[in-house]
Amino acid sequence: MDVMNFLSLNGCSTGTSRVEDLVNNQIDCISATCWSSTEYSQNNAWNVNFSDGNTNNNNKYNSNYVRAVAALDEEIKIGWIEAFDNCCAKKKSSPQCNDYRTDYEFDLWMLIAEVYTRSYVPGISTCFMVTHPKLREIFAAHFRDRIVQHWVIIRLEPLFETRFKAQGDVSFNCRKNYGTLKAVEALEADIIAQSDNYKLNDIEVARFDLRSFFMSINLEVLWDLLKAFIIANYKGDDIDTLLYLTEIIVFHRPQTNCRKKGDITLWDELPAHKSLFSLPFDIGMAIGNLTSQQFANFYMSFFDEFMIWLCKRYGCRYERFVDDFAVVGNRNIILRVIRPLAEKYLRKRLKVSLHHDKFYLQPVQHGVKFVGTMIMPGRKYISNRTVGGMYDKLHYTDMVCKAIVNGNRNCRNLLMLRHCISALNSYLGFMVHVSAHKLRRKILDSASEDFWKCCFVVGDYTTIKILKHYKVTTYLKEKEDEEFSAIFRDRTAVSRGGRKKARKKAVHNKL
């Protein structure tokens, strides 16, 4: 069944029939012009030709029939609306989101029709480069494709979370209520337990990293793991649709249908093994998509299983954040057993490899770097790389504030300011939990005068807030009030003009 037939059979969303049943029913479309339920004018109504989808308006008293319309299951409708709401949650100020929201009811219905008629094809993506903390290639999916990704993740994330918890919570990325701080605390607890609070001198920490992780993921392996996992664990009636969309997302190659944005010359600096444009079609997953992060974490969960078993057998402990993982244990065991077996499993089972230039092994007393933090006996420090990143973000925020203060107070700059302050608060939120009070003050004291004209600090250098005048919501409210006032003035002028003309006409008639 094509999309047009689907829409003609499912023209409203007020009933209780399942979409799958509607798609599979044998009712033929009426090849005639039929009335909608909406009037065009007093004498005319809208009508639709179900043979070609054309619409017009005609005298509503002619002999055309009213088309009986099948209905969409409320559960299915709510499921897609939930995906749409989740997609919009943190993107309400983005142009793509606002453009889609203007006509989302029609396009969302079209998207549902494409999915359930198995004709859905991902749209064009936007590709750009980021330079911090290192040069990377990012793909941003079309907004309606993000809705599909959210629909899939809404169903898979609880299953993934159950799996991660059953493994002992050794992975910390892309999970609610987890993150870098939790990962650091977990590794610090492992170090204290293994070394008897730094008393044992033979305990060391090994740090491993994977070579070009996202660009090395084997899509065939990923799909086989996902398919088996969904079939075994998902109990919803829409499992066929979930498998269908998951397979499309896994094997979608955004580099074949994308629009490059920004400085194009940066691709010349990017190594070939770090770009989807240079890789085979069955290798690599786009960085930037919600599903990419979740699927990558699921992909590595099988390595987590192996490492948990291996470390338990040889008296070690293991933690992972994305492709950066650490093992705490005896030096000889790590070098002779853990490292070679981990490398063998990664290469043969998951088709990825260790980055040999990023392997570190040192005694726990010397400290260990992990996800932006230096863990030392009895204390933690923020890494120099993280400090440099915060200085860079503050410098950029200064430039945004300067532009705003010097007369460029517009929606784009205010949105950028909000984004920058959010990033700076993330740094501060992390630094609160390490020994960095003087450092926080030192960094913020280096901000420009323009910065302090737009922002202020709350608490003991823990949070930055934007002054009310420079908030996006305040700016939009002002513009709304100005527009309303202009309309009111115009209406008043028209009203007064009309009254004046009426008085002149009355006087003229009397004369």
Protein backbone atom coordinates (compact mmCIF):
# COMPACT_ATOMS: atom_id res chain seq x y z
CA MET A 1 0.00 0.00 0.00
CA ASP A 2 1.36 3.45 -0.92
CA VAL A 3 1.16 6.57 1.21
CA MET A 4 -1.81 8.04 -0.71
CA ASN A 5 -3.93 4.94 -0.17
CA PHE A 6 -2.89 4.85 3.47
CA LEU A 7 -3.96 8.45 3.96
CA SER A 8 -7.27 7.90 2.21
CA LEU A 9 -8.04 4.94 4.45
CA ASN A 10 -6.77 6.63 7.60
CA GLY A 11 -7.89 10.20 7.25
CA CYS A 12 -8.45 11.03 10.91
CA SER A 13 -7.11 9.99 14.26
CA THR A 14 -10.15 9.64 16.45
CA GLY A 15 -10.83 5.91 16.63
CA THR A 16 -9.41 2.76 18.10
CA SER A 17 -8.31 0.55 15.19
CA ARG A 18 -4.64 -0.38 14.97
CA VAL A 19 -2.61 1.16 12.15
CA GLU A 20 -1.13 -2.22 11.25
CA ASP A 21 -4.66 -3.55 10.73
CA LEU A 22 -5.61 -0.54 8.66
CA VAL A 23 -2.55 -0.94 6.49
CA ASN A 24 -3.30 -4.61 5.93
CA ASN A 25 -7.05 -4.33 5.34
CA GLN A 26 -8.50 -5.06 1.93
CA ILE A 27 -10.84 -2.10 1.55
CA ASP A 28 -10.25 -0.43 -1.80
CA CYS A 29 -9.96 3.32 -2.05
CA ILE A 30 -12.92 5.07 -3.57
CA SER A 31 -11.88 6.52 -6.89
CA ALA A 32 -14.34 9.36 -6.63
CA THR A 33 -14.46 12.88 -5.30
CA CYS A 34 -15.71 12.98 -1.72
CA TRP A 35 -16.50 15.68 0.79
CA SER A 36 -14.33 16.56 3.75
CA SER A 37 -15.98 17.72 6.95
CA THR A 38 -14.78 21.30 6.57
CA GLU A 39 -16.72 24.10 4.85
CA TYR A 40 -14.93 26.44 2.48
CA SER A 41 -17.64 29.09 2.52
CA GLN A 42 -21.35 29.39 3.07
CA ASN A 43 -22.19 27.55 -0.13
CA ASN A 44 -18.94 25.64 -0.86
CA ALA A 45 -17.05 22.85 0.87
CA TRP A 46 -13.66 21.24 0.43
CA ASN A 47 -13.59 17.94 -1.42
CA VAL A 48 -10.86 15.42 -2.21
CA ASN A 49 -10.36 13.17 -5.23
CA PHE A 50 -9.09 9.91 -3.74
CA SER A 51 -7.82 8.64 -7.06
CA ASP A 52 -5.10 11.30 -7.36
CA GLY A 53 -5.22 13.24 -4.07
CA ASN A 54 -6.23 16.55 -5.67
CA THR A 55 -8.33 18.95 -3.62
CA ASN A 56 -10.71 21.78 -4.56
CA ASN A 57 -13.87 23.42 -3.39
CA ASN A 58 -17.28 23.02 -4.96
CA ASN A 59 -20.97 23.65 -4.35
CA LYS A 60 -21.71 21.61 -1.25
CA TYR A 61 -25.23 20.79 -2.41
CA ASN A 62 -24.15 18.59 -5.34
CA SER A 63 -24.30 14.78 -5.43
CA ASN A 64 -20.82 13.96 -4.02
CA TYR A 65 -20.59 11.51 -1.12
CA VAL A 66 -19.07 11.95 2.31
CA ARG A 67 -16.05 9.68 2.62
CA ALA A 68 -16.09 7.30 5.56
CA VAL A 69 -12.74 7.60 7.31
CA ALA A 70 -10.84 4.91 9.23
CA ALA A 71 -9.17 5.81 12.45
CA LEU A 72 -5.74 5.71 14.01
CA ASP A 73 -5.05 3.88 17.26
CA GLU A 74 -4.70 6.32 20.13
CA GLU A 75 -1.71 4.41 21.54
CA ILE A 76 0.17 4.68 18.27
CA LYS A 77 -0.75 8.34 17.88
CA ILE A 78 0.40 9.12 21.43
CA GLY A 79 3.65 7.21 20.83
CA TRP A 80 4.58 9.41 17.89
CA ILE A 81 3.47 12.60 19.63
CA GLU A 82 5.70 11.63 22.57
CA ALA A 83 8.62 11.18 20.18
CA PHE A 84 7.87 14.57 18.64
CA ASP A 85 7.69 16.24 22.08
CA ASN A 86 10.99 14.64 23.15
CA CYS A 87 12.59 15.82 19.94
CA CYS A 88 11.42 19.38 20.56
CA ALA A 89 12.26 19.44 24.28
CA LYS A 90 15.72 20.98 23.93
CA LYS A 91 15.36 22.34 20.40
CA LYS A 92 12.43 24.78 20.73
CA SER A 93 14.57 27.75 19.76
CA SER A 94 16.22 26.08 16.74
CA PRO A 95 15.08 27.17 13.24
CA GLN A 96 14.45 23.58 12.10
CA CYS A 97 12.25 22.87 15.08
CA ASN A 98 10.25 26.06 14.68
CA ASP A 99 9.80 25.46 10.95
CA TYR A 100 8.55 21.94 11.59
CA ARG A 101 6.21 23.00 14.40
CA THR A 102 4.34 25.38 12.09
CA ASP A 103 2.88 22.45 10.15
CA TYR A 104 3.78 19.45 12.27
CA GLU A 105 0.31 17.86 12.34
CA PHE A 106 0.25 17.21 8.60
CA ASP A 107 3.89 16.18 8.25
CA LEU A 108 3.83 13.98 11.35
CA TRP A 109 0.83 12.18 9.89
CA MET A 110 2.71 11.80 6.58
CA LEU A 111 5.73 10.44 8.49
CA ILE A 112 3.54 7.86 10.27
CA ALA A 113 2.06 6.86 6.91
CA GLU A 114 5.54 6.41 5.42
CA VAL A 115 6.64 4.27 8.37
CA TYR A 116 3.61 1.97 8.37
CA THR A 117 3.59 1.61 4.60
CA ARG A 118 7.29 0.74 4.79
CA SER A 119 8.23 3.60 2.45
CA TYR A 120 10.17 5.75 4.93
CA VAL A 121 13.50 7.08 3.65
CA PRO A 122 15.74 9.35 5.79
CA GLY A 123 16.06 12.88 4.45
CA ILE A 124 19.05 15.07 3.81
CA SER A 125 21.52 15.60 6.68
CA THR A 126 23.74 18.56 7.53
CA CYS A 127 27.45 17.83 7.90
CA PHE A 128 29.95 20.15 9.56
CA MET A 129 33.27 20.10 11.41
CA VAL A 130 34.06 20.92 15.02
CA THR A 131 37.57 21.82 16.14
CA HIS A 132 37.24 21.46 19.94
CA PRO A 133 38.47 19.42 21.73
CA LYS A 134 39.74 17.91 18.47
CA LEU A 135 38.84 17.94 14.79
CA ARG A 136 35.73 15.82 14.21
CA GLU A 137 33.07 15.29 11.58
CA ILE A 138 29.48 15.81 12.80
CA PHE A 139 26.21 14.87 11.07
CA ALA A 140 22.92 16.50 12.03
CA ALA A 141 19.87 14.57 10.83
CA HIS A 142 16.80 16.25 9.38
CA PHE A 143 14.26 17.15 12.05
CA ARG A 144 11.64 14.57 11.00
CA ASP A 145 14.38 11.89 11.04
CA ARG A 146 15.19 12.89 14.61
CA ILE A 147 11.55 12.18 15.51
CA VAL A 148 12.02 8.65 14.18
CA GLN A 149 15.22 8.27 16.20
CA HIS A 150 13.43 9.40 19.37
CA TRP A 151 10.59 6.96 18.67
CA VAL A 152 13.11 4.11 18.50
CA ILE A 153 15.08 5.21 21.57
CA ILE A 154 11.93 5.61 23.69
CA ARG A 155 11.41 1.85 23.21
CA LEU A 156 15.00 0.68 23.43
CA GLU A 157 16.46 2.88 26.17
CA PRO A 158 14.63 1.12 29.07
CA LEU A 159 15.88 -2.23 27.74
CA PHE A 160 19.43 -0.91 27.43
CA GLU A 161 19.25 0.51 30.95
CA THR A 162 18.12 -2.84 32.36
CA ARG A 163 21.10 -4.48 30.65
CA PHE A 164 23.59 -1.89 31.98
CA LYS A 165 22.29 -2.23 35.54
CA ALA A 166 22.47 -6.02 35.37
CA GLN A 167 26.13 -5.66 34.40
CA GLY A 168 26.88 -3.65 37.51
CA ASP A 169 26.77 -0.09 36.13
CA VAL A 170 30.29 -0.09 34.71
CA SER A 171 29.36 2.20 31.78
CA PHE A 172 28.57 5.88 32.40
CA ASN A 173 28.00 7.63 29.08
CA CYS A 174 24.64 8.37 27.43
CA ARG A 175 22.67 7.39 30.53
CA LYS A 176 20.32 9.46 32.69
CA ASN A 177 21.75 10.37 36.11
CA TYR A 178 25.19 9.16 35.04
CA GLY A 179 28.10 10.95 33.41
CA THR A 180 31.71 12.00 33.90
CA LEU A 181 31.40 12.71 37.62
CA LYS A 182 29.88 9.27 38.32
CA ALA A 183 32.62 7.64 36.24
CA VAL A 184 35.37 9.43 38.19
CA GLU A 185 33.79 8.55 41.54
CA ALA A 186 33.45 4.88 40.52
CA LEU A 187 37.10 4.65 39.46
CA GLU A 188 38.25 6.41 42.64
CA ALA A 189 36.24 3.89 44.71
CA ASP A 190 37.87 1.01 42.78
CA ILE A 191 41.34 2.43 43.44
CA ILE A 192 40.66 2.82 47.17
CA ALA A 193 39.23 -0.72 47.44
CA GLN A 194 41.99 -2.41 45.42
CA SER A 195 44.88 -0.56 47.08
CA ASP A 196 43.45 -0.62 50.61
CA ASN A 197 43.23 3.19 50.61
CA TYR A 198 46.58 3.61 48.81
CA LYS A 199 48.48 1.38 51.24
CA LEU A 200 49.41 -1.38 48.74
CA ASN A 201 52.28 -0.46 46.40
CA ASP A 202 51.72 -3.17 43.78
CA ILE A 203 48.34 -1.85 42.55
CA GLU A 204 48.33 0.11 39.30
CA VAL A 205 45.79 1.69 36.96
CA ALA A 206 45.74 0.93 33.26
CA ARG A 207 43.95 3.28 30.86
CA PHE A 208 42.90 2.09 27.42
CA ASP A 209 41.41 3.85 24.40
CA LEU A 210 39.99 2.61 21.10
CA ARG A 211 41.23 3.74 17.72
CA SER A 212 38.60 5.89 15.90
CA PHE A 213 35.80 4.12 17.75
CA PHE A 214 32.70 5.51 15.99
CA MET A 215 34.39 5.26 12.59
CA SER A 216 35.35 1.62 13.27
CA ILE A 217 31.98 0.18 14.30
CA ASN A 218 31.00 -2.72 12.04
CA LEU A 219 27.37 -2.17 11.03
CA GLU A 220 26.67 -5.82 10.26
CA VAL A 221 27.86 -6.84 13.72
CA LEU A 222 25.87 -4.00 15.33
CA TRP A 223 22.68 -4.94 13.50
CA ASP A 224 23.02 -8.65 14.38
CA LEU A 225 23.45 -7.74 18.06
CA LEU A 226 20.55 -5.28 18.05
CA LYS A 227 18.21 -7.61 16.16
CA ALA A 228 18.83 -10.52 18.53
CA PHE A 229 18.49 -8.22 21.55
CA ILE A 230 15.18 -6.68 20.38
CA ILE A 231 13.63 -10.05 19.52
CA ALA A 232 14.64 -11.47 22.89
CA ASN A 233 13.66 -8.52 25.09
CA TYR A 234 11.05 -6.28 23.42
CA LYS A 235 7.45 -7.28 24.15
CA GLY A 236 5.50 -4.53 22.36
CA ASP A 237 3.02 -5.19 19.56
CA ASP A 238 4.96 -2.83 17.29
CA ILE A 239 8.14 -4.97 17.29
CA ASP A 240 8.05 -5.32 13.49
CA THR A 241 8.03 -1.54 13.09
CA LEU A 242 10.82 -1.21 15.66
CA LEU A 243 13.00 -3.74 13.81
CA TYR A 244 12.22 -2.05 10.49
CA LEU A 245 13.23 1.43 11.70
CA THR A 246 16.26 0.19 13.65
CA GLU A 247 17.65 -1.53 10.58
CA ILE A 248 17.13 1.61 8.46
CA ILE A 249 18.90 3.78 11.06
CA VAL A 250 21.84 1.38 11.46
CA PHE A 251 22.55 1.07 7.72
CA HIS A 252 21.71 4.64 6.75
CA ARG A 253 24.72 6.34 5.15
CA PRO A 254 24.19 10.09 5.67
CA GLN A 255 27.33 10.93 3.67
CA THR A 256 25.47 9.95 0.47
CA ASN A 257 22.77 12.59 1.00
CA CYS A 258 24.07 15.53 2.99
CA ARG A 259 24.82 19.23 2.80
CA LYS A 260 28.25 20.35 4.02
CA LYS A 261 28.24 23.47 6.15
CA GLY A 262 30.97 25.72 7.51
CA ASP A 263 34.64 25.69 6.55
CA ILE A 264 34.90 23.04 3.81
CA THR A 265 38.72 23.15 3.85
CA LEU A 266 38.77 21.50 7.29
CA TRP A 267 38.01 18.15 5.65
CA ASP A 268 41.46 18.33 4.05
CA GLU A 269 42.98 18.24 7.54
CA LEU A 270 40.87 15.29 8.75
CA PRO A 271 42.56 11.86 8.42
CA ALA A 272 40.77 9.48 6.03
CA HIS A 273 40.05 6.90 8.75
CA LYS A 274 38.11 9.54 10.70
CA SER A 275 35.66 10.49 7.95
CA LEU A 276 32.62 8.57 6.73
CA PHE A 277 33.29 9.92 3.25
CA SER A 278 36.45 7.77 3.05
CA LEU A 279 35.20 4.56 4.69
CA PRO A 280 33.47 1.45 3.30
CA PHE A 281 29.66 1.52 3.47
CA ASP A 282 29.48 -1.17 6.16
CA ILE A 283 31.91 0.57 8.52
CA GLY A 284 31.42 3.62 10.71
CA MET A 285 28.53 5.38 12.42
CA ALA A 286 27.73 9.08 12.14
CA ILE A 287 28.66 11.18 15.18
CA GLY A 288 25.87 13.53 16.21
CA ASN A 289 22.75 11.36 16.10
CA LEU A 290 20.95 10.27 19.28
CA THR A 291 20.83 6.68 18.08
CA SER A 292 24.58 6.68 17.36
CA GLN A 293 25.40 7.39 21.00
CA GLN A 294 22.93 4.84 22.35
CA PHE A 295 23.86 2.12 19.84
CA ALA A 296 27.58 2.65 20.46
CA ASN A 297 27.07 2.21 24.21
CA PHE A 298 25.04 -0.94 23.55
CA TYR A 299 27.79 -2.17 21.20
CA MET A 300 30.43 -1.84 23.92
CA SER A 301 28.20 -3.48 26.55
CA PHE A 302 29.25 -6.86 25.14
CA PHE A 303 32.85 -5.94 25.81
CA ASP A 304 31.76 -4.87 29.31
CA GLU A 305 30.37 -8.37 29.88
CA PHE A 306 33.67 -9.94 28.91
CA MET A 307 35.78 -7.53 30.98
CA ILE A 308 33.63 -7.92 34.09
CA TRP A 309 34.10 -11.71 33.90
CA LEU A 310 37.82 -11.38 33.17
CA CYS A 311 38.54 -8.85 35.93
CA LYS A 312 36.53 -10.82 38.49
CA ARG A 313 38.55 -13.93 37.67
CA TYR A 314 41.91 -12.19 38.11
CA GLY A 315 41.04 -9.85 40.98
CA CYS A 316 40.83 -6.55 39.04
CA ARG A 317 38.19 -3.84 38.61
CA TYR A 318 36.88 -2.22 35.44
CA GLU A 319 35.06 1.02 34.46
CA ARG A 320 34.22 2.51 31.02
CA PHE A 321 33.19 5.88 29.57
CA VAL A 322 32.43 5.65 25.80
CA ASP A 323 35.63 4.11 24.37
CA ASP A 324 37.87 5.16 27.30
CA PHE A 325 38.14 2.40 29.93
CA ALA A 326 40.30 1.70 32.96
CA VAL A 327 41.42 -1.43 34.85
CA VAL A 328 42.70 -1.37 38.43
CA GLY A 329 44.81 -4.33 39.53
CA ASN A 330 48.24 -5.97 39.69
CA ARG A 331 50.71 -4.75 37.06
CA ASN A 332 51.77 -8.20 35.83
CA ILE A 333 48.17 -9.42 35.51
CA ILE A 334 47.19 -6.34 33.52
CA LEU A 335 50.13 -6.64 31.12
CA ARG A 336 50.21 -10.43 30.69
CA VAL A 337 46.50 -11.33 30.89
CA ILE A 338 44.03 -8.40 30.77
CA ARG A 339 45.53 -6.40 27.91
CA PRO A 340 46.11 -9.22 25.36
CA LEU A 341 42.73 -10.87 26.03
CA ALA A 342 40.87 -7.55 25.85
CA GLU A 343 42.59 -6.72 22.57
CA LYS A 344 41.76 -10.15 21.13
CA TYR A 345 38.07 -9.88 22.08
CA LEU A 346 37.72 -6.39 20.61
CA ARG A 347 39.38 -7.38 17.35
CA LYS A 348 37.56 -10.68 16.78
CA ARG A 349 34.13 -10.05 18.30
CA LEU A 350 33.48 -6.32 17.75
CA LYS A 351 35.92 -5.63 14.86
CA VAL A 352 37.55 -2.65 16.62
CA SER A 353 41.12 -2.21 17.86
CA LEU A 354 42.98 -0.64 20.78
CA HIS A 355 44.87 2.61 20.31
CA HIS A 356 48.41 1.53 21.31
CA ASP A 357 49.64 5.11 21.60
CA LYS A 358 47.01 5.82 24.25
CA PHE A 359 47.80 3.05 26.72
CA TYR A 360 48.90 4.22 30.19
CA LEU A 361 49.94 2.15 33.21
CA GLN A 362 51.14 3.67 36.47
CA PRO A 363 50.92 3.19 40.27
CA VAL A 364 47.78 4.56 41.91
CA GLN A 365 49.91 6.77 44.19
CA HIS A 366 51.11 8.73 41.15
CA GLY A 367 47.58 9.65 40.12
CA VAL A 368 45.58 8.79 37.02
CA LYS A 369 43.83 10.92 34.40
CA PHE A 370 40.27 9.85 33.58
CA VAL A 371 37.55 11.76 31.68
CA GLY A 372 38.98 15.19 32.38
CA THR A 373 40.01 14.61 35.99
CA MET A 374 43.27 13.82 37.76
CA ILE A 375 42.58 11.34 40.59
CA MET A 376 45.17 11.64 43.37
CA PRO A 377 45.30 10.10 46.86
CA GLY A 378 42.63 11.87 48.90
CA ARG A 379 41.79 14.52 46.30
CA LYS A 380 40.84 15.17 42.67
CA TYR A 381 41.94 17.88 40.27
CA ILE A 382 40.55 19.01 36.95
CA SER A 383 42.86 18.24 34.02
CA ASN A 384 44.75 20.94 32.14
CA ARG A 385 42.85 20.08 28.97
CA THR A 386 39.52 20.77 30.70
CA VAL A 387 40.85 24.05 32.12
CA GLY A 388 41.96 25.08 28.64
CA GLY A 389 38.54 24.19 27.26
CA MET A 390 36.82 26.41 29.85
CA TYR A 391 39.16 29.33 29.08
CA ASP A 392 38.36 28.95 25.36
CA LYS A 393 34.62 28.90 26.02
CA LEU A 394 34.85 31.96 28.28
CA HIS A 395 36.81 33.83 25.60
CA TYR A 396 34.13 33.03 23.02
CA THR A 397 31.42 34.12 25.47
CA ASP A 398 33.25 37.43 25.91
CA MET A 399 33.02 38.04 22.14
CA VAL A 400 29.30 37.24 22.12
CA CYS A 401 28.68 39.60 25.05
CA LYS A 402 30.70 42.34 23.33
CA ALA A 403 28.55 42.04 20.21
CA ILE A 404 25.34 42.19 22.28
CA VAL A 405 26.43 45.18 24.37
CA ASN A 406 27.58 47.08 21.27
CA GLY A 407 24.13 47.06 19.72
CA ASN A 408 23.68 43.58 18.24
CA ARG A 409 21.07 42.45 20.74
CA ASN A 410 19.20 40.04 18.50
CA CYS A 411 17.72 36.57 18.83
CA ARG A 412 20.73 34.81 17.28
CA ASN A 413 23.28 36.37 19.63
CA LEU A 414 21.09 35.89 22.69
CA LEU A 415 20.62 32.23 21.84
CA MET A 416 24.38 31.90 21.44
CA LEU A 417 24.88 33.58 24.82
CA ARG A 418 22.47 31.13 26.44
CA HIS A 419 24.33 28.21 24.85
CA CYS A 420 27.71 29.53 26.04
CA ILE A 421 26.52 30.10 29.61
CA SER A 422 25.07 26.58 29.68
CA ALA A 423 28.49 25.18 28.67
CA LEU A 424 30.31 27.29 31.27
CA ASN A 425 27.89 26.11 33.98
CA SER A 426 28.63 22.52 32.98
CA TYR A 427 32.33 23.16 33.60
CA LEU A 428 31.56 24.82 36.95
CA GLY A 429 29.21 22.00 37.98
CA PHE A 430 31.98 19.51 37.40
CA MET A 431 34.64 21.65 39.11
CA VAL A 432 32.54 21.95 42.27
CA HIS A 433 33.27 18.28 42.99
CA VAL A 434 37.06 18.60 42.67
CA SER A 435 39.68 20.74 44.40
CA ALA A 436 39.23 23.78 42.20
CA HIS A 437 37.72 26.66 44.21
CA LYS A 438 40.58 29.07 43.52
CA LEU A 439 40.69 27.95 39.90
CA ARG A 440 36.97 28.69 39.37
CA ARG A 441 37.45 32.18 40.75
CA LYS A 442 40.60 32.76 38.73
CA ILE A 443 38.95 31.76 35.45
CA LEU A 444 35.81 33.86 35.96
CA ASP A 445 37.81 36.89 37.17
CA SER A 446 39.48 36.91 33.76
CA ALA A 447 36.14 37.62 32.03
CA SER A 448 35.70 40.95 30.22
CA GLU A 449 33.61 43.93 31.32
CA ASP A 450 31.08 43.14 28.59
CA PHE A 451 30.62 39.69 30.11
CA TRP A 452 29.66 41.17 33.49
CA LYS A 453 27.25 43.59 31.81
CA CYS A 454 25.29 40.56 30.56
CA CYS A 455 25.83 38.01 33.34
CA PHE A 456 26.35 37.60 37.07
CA VAL A 457 27.57 34.86 39.43
CA VAL A 458 25.37 33.05 41.94
CA GLY A 459 26.84 31.43 45.04
CA ASP A 460 30.54 30.78 45.58
CA TYR A 461 31.46 30.90 41.89
CA THR A 462 29.25 27.88 41.23
CA THR A 463 26.68 29.16 38.74
CA ILE A 464 26.49 31.88 36.08
CA LYS A 465 23.15 33.54 35.30
CA ILE A 466 22.11 35.88 32.50
CA LEU A 467 20.63 39.28 33.35
CA LYS A 468 16.92 39.50 32.55
CA HIS A 469 17.41 42.10 29.82
CA TYR A 470 19.68 39.71 27.88
CA LYS A 471 17.50 36.62 28.09
CA VAL A 472 15.95 35.28 24.89
CA THR A 473 12.51 35.08 26.50
CA THR A 474 12.65 38.77 27.46
CA TYR A 475 13.67 39.75 23.93
CA LEU A 476 10.88 37.71 22.33
CA LYS A 477 8.33 39.13 24.77
CA GLU A 478 9.41 42.65 23.83
CA LYS A 479 9.06 41.89 20.13
CA GLU A 480 5.65 40.33 20.72
CA ASP A 481 4.49 43.39 22.66
CA GLU A 482 5.79 45.70 19.92
CA GLU A 483 3.96 43.73 17.26
CA PHE A 484 0.77 43.72 19.29
CA SER A 485 1.02 47.46 19.90
CA ALA A 486 1.50 48.12 16.18
CA ILE A 487 -1.54 46.03 15.34
CA PHE A 488 -3.58 47.79 18.03
CA ARG A 489 -2.54 51.21 16.71
CA ASP A 490 -3.46 50.21 13.16
CA ARG A 491 -6.84 48.91 14.25
CA THR A 492 -7.49 52.04 16.30
CA ALA A 493 -6.58 54.25 13.35
CA VAL A 494 -8.89 52.29 11.09
CA SER A 495 -11.65 52.43 13.65
CA ARG A 496 -11.26 56.18 14.13
CA GLY A 497 -11.10 56.72 10.37
CA GLY A 498 -14.25 54.72 9.90
CA ARG A 499 -16.11 56.72 12.54
CA LYS A 500 -14.99 59.98 10.99
CA LYS A 501 -16.20 58.94 7.55
CA ALA A 502 -19.51 57.81 9.02
CA ARG A 503 -20.03 61.20 10.68
CA LYS A 504 -19.28 63.03 7.44
CA LYS A 505 -21.69 60.79 5.56
CA ALA A 506 -24.45 61.41 8.12
CA VAL A 507 -23.97 65.18 7.91
CA HIS A 508 -24.03 65.02 4.13
CA ASN A 509 -27.28 63.04 4.15
CA LYS A 510 -28.91 65.58 6.44
CA LEU A 511 -27.92 68.38 4.15
